[in-house]
Amino acid sequence: MGKANLKQTMVGSAFFTMSVVAMKIFFFNYILLVKENFMTNYGSLYSFMIFAIWIYSIIMLFYMSITFTHTIAKHKINYID
């Protein structure tokens, strides 16, 4: 297995940061579209469902960032020279 150096780790963390910002924008727009349906379907638990979806999304982005950094390290790709 490849071990990531500092540069590769910085690229991975930048990928995670940009992904979280993009997810925030997408998630906010998604909630605007489905808020009424969530309120109808889940009643008073709709805020918990929104929170659960947000946490799941962040966990998946974190996992994708780790996989991205691992792939960079494994193939010895340097995006920053």
Protein backbone atom coordinates (compact mmCIF):
# COMPACT_ATOMS: atom_id res chain seq x y z
CA MET A 1 0.00 0.00 0.00
CA GLY A 2 1.15 3.49 -0.75
CA LYS A 3 1.71 5.90 2.07
CA ALA A 4 0.53 9.45 1.37
CA ASN A 5 3.01 12.25 1.81
CA LEU A 6 2.10 15.77 2.93
CA LYS A 7 1.43 17.10 -0.59
CA GLN A 8 -0.90 14.24 -1.46
CA THR A 9 -2.69 14.64 1.85
CA MET A 10 -3.16 18.36 1.21
CA VAL A 11 -4.71 17.57 -2.19
CA GLY A 12 -7.05 15.07 -0.52
CA SER A 13 -8.08 17.56 2.15
CA ALA A 14 -8.68 20.23 -0.50
CA PHE A 15 -10.87 17.73 -2.36
CA PHE A 16 -12.87 17.10 0.82
CA THR A 17 -13.25 20.81 1.54
CA MET A 18 -14.46 21.61 -1.97
CA SER A 19 -16.81 18.64 -1.86
CA VAL A 20 -18.36 19.80 1.41
CA VAL A 21 -18.92 23.30 0.02
CA ALA A 22 -20.55 21.88 -3.12
CA MET A 23 -22.64 19.49 -1.01
CA LYS A 24 -23.85 22.37 1.17
CA ILE A 25 -25.14 24.21 -1.89
CA PHE A 26 -26.76 21.10 -3.35
CA PHE A 27 -28.25 20.04 0.00
CA PHE A 28 -29.75 23.46 0.71
CA ASN A 29 -31.46 23.48 -2.69
CA TYR A 30 -32.63 19.89 -2.21
CA ILE A 31 -34.17 20.74 1.16
CA LEU A 32 -36.00 23.70 -0.36
CA LEU A 33 -37.60 21.31 -2.86
CA VAL A 34 -38.57 18.48 -0.50
CA LYS A 35 -39.21 20.19 2.84
CA GLU A 36 -43.00 20.06 2.50
CA ASN A 37 -42.91 16.36 1.59
CA PHE A 38 -40.66 15.60 4.55
CA MET A 39 -42.99 17.47 6.87
CA THR A 40 -45.99 15.56 5.50
CA ASN A 41 -44.34 12.13 5.60
CA TYR A 42 -42.34 12.33 8.84
CA GLY A 43 -44.26 14.92 10.87
CA SER A 44 -42.24 16.23 13.77
CA LEU A 45 -39.32 13.93 12.91
CA TYR A 46 -38.58 15.68 9.60
CA SER A 47 -35.70 17.67 11.11
CA PHE A 48 -34.12 14.42 12.33
CA MET A 49 -34.43 12.93 8.83
CA ILE A 50 -32.78 15.99 7.30
CA PHE A 51 -30.00 15.74 9.88
CA ALA A 52 -29.54 12.02 9.18
CA ILE A 53 -29.27 12.63 5.43
CA TRP A 54 -26.74 15.42 6.01
CA ILE A 55 -24.57 13.26 8.29
CA TYR A 56 -24.72 10.37 5.80
CA SER A 57 -23.65 12.73 2.99
CA ILE A 58 -20.69 14.06 4.98
CA ILE A 59 -19.57 10.54 5.91
CA MET A 60 -19.70 9.48 2.25
CA LEU A 61 -17.72 12.56 1.18
CA PHE A 62 -15.12 11.82 3.84
CA TYR A 63 -14.82 8.22 2.64
CA MET A 64 -14.50 9.37 -0.99
CA SER A 65 -11.74 11.80 0.05
CA ILE A 66 -9.84 9.06 1.84
CA THR A 67 -10.16 6.83 -1.23
CA PHE A 68 -9.03 9.70 -3.47
CA THR A 69 -5.96 10.32 -1.29
CA HIS A 70 -5.16 6.60 -1.17
CA THR A 71 -5.35 6.38 -4.97
CA ILE A 72 -3.03 9.36 -5.34
CA ALA A 73 -0.54 7.78 -2.95
CA LYS A 74 -0.79 4.33 -4.52
CA HIS A 75 -0.08 5.58 -8.01
CA LYS A 76 2.43 8.19 -6.77
CA ILE A 77 0.58 11.07 -8.42
CA ASN A 78 1.79 14.54 -7.46
CA TYR A 79 -0.60 17.38 -8.26
CA ILE A 80 1.59 19.89 -6.47
CA ASP A 81 5.26 20.14 -7.41
